[in-house]
Protein backbone atom coordinates (compact mmCIF):
# COMPACT_ATOMS: atom_id res chain seq x y z
CA MET A 1 0.28 -0.15 0.25
CA LYS A 2 2.71 2.19 0.97
CA PRO A 3 4.53 2.14 -2.40
CA VAL A 4 1.16 3.21 -4.17
CA ALA A 5 0.36 5.95 -1.82
CA LEU A 6 3.66 7.47 -2.18
CA ARG A 7 3.38 6.92 -5.96
CA PHE A 8 0.07 9.01 -6.32
CA LEU A 9 1.39 11.50 -3.86
CA GLN A 10 4.71 12.49 -5.65
CA GLN A 11 2.18 12.80 -8.92
CA MET A 12 -0.06 14.64 -7.25
CA ARG A 13 2.74 17.16 -5.99
CA SER A 14 4.04 17.38 -9.44
CA ALA A 15 0.87 18.66 -10.71
CA PRO A 16 1.32 22.30 -11.12
CA GLU A 17 -2.48 23.03 -10.75
CA LEU A 18 -2.17 21.15 -7.37
CA ALA A 19 0.56 22.89 -6.15
CA ASP A 20 -1.21 24.82 -3.47
CA LEU A 21 -3.11 22.30 -1.89
CA PRO A 22 -2.42 20.65 1.41
CA VAL A 23 -2.16 16.93 0.96
CA SER A 24 -2.54 14.17 3.11
CA GLY A 25 -0.25 10.75 3.56
CA ILE A 26 -2.20 8.51 3.91
CA GLY A 27 -1.42 4.44 3.41
CA GLY A 28 1.49 3.12 5.08
CA ASN A 29 2.09 5.09 7.69
CA GLU A 30 3.71 2.92 10.74
CA THR A 31 6.88 4.28 12.16
CA TRP A 32 8.04 7.64 12.17
CA ARG A 33 10.31 6.78 9.40
CA ASP A 34 7.15 6.16 7.00
CA ALA A 35 6.11 9.56 7.92
CA CYS A 36 9.20 10.96 6.90
CA GLU A 37 9.05 9.49 3.52
CA PHE A 38 5.12 11.12 3.27
CA ILE A 39 6.55 14.77 4.21
CA LEU A 40 9.47 14.30 1.98
CA MET A 41 7.14 13.47 -0.88
CA GLY A 42 5.15 16.47 0.35
CA ALA A 43 2.07 15.37 2.46
CA THR A 44 1.25 18.72 4.71
CA THR A 45 -0.48 16.28 6.79
CA LEU A 46 -0.59 12.71 8.03
CA GLN A 47 -3.14 9.99 8.49
CA VAL A 48 -2.58 6.54 10.85
CA THR A 49 -5.85 4.96 10.54
CA THR A 50 -4.50 1.65 10.01
CA SER A 51 -1.83 1.70 12.91
CA VAL A 52 -4.44 2.47 15.41
CA MET A 53 -6.67 -0.09 14.29
CA GLN A 54 -3.76 -3.05 13.94
CA TYR A 55 -2.05 -1.56 17.14
CA GLY A 56 -4.33 0.76 19.34
CA TYR A 57 -4.17 4.61 20.46
CA ARG A 58 -0.63 3.96 21.83
CA VAL A 59 1.26 4.51 18.47
CA ALA A 60 -0.15 8.68 18.97
CA ARG A 61 0.94 8.46 22.64
CA ARG A 62 3.52 10.85 23.33
CA THR A 63 6.57 9.36 24.49
């Protein structure tokens, strides 16, 4: 899922007509490294819904 999401994000970011729109990175965010990849590809926000369903709310807990 993550490779597809990253490719789609890259395609959206390279489209001039979408350049000013916020884009959420979703689909494969399970670790901080995944989050960094989405941010580096141009995501302005992140969603971690699947991770919360799999691992519980502890994935969003502050440490």
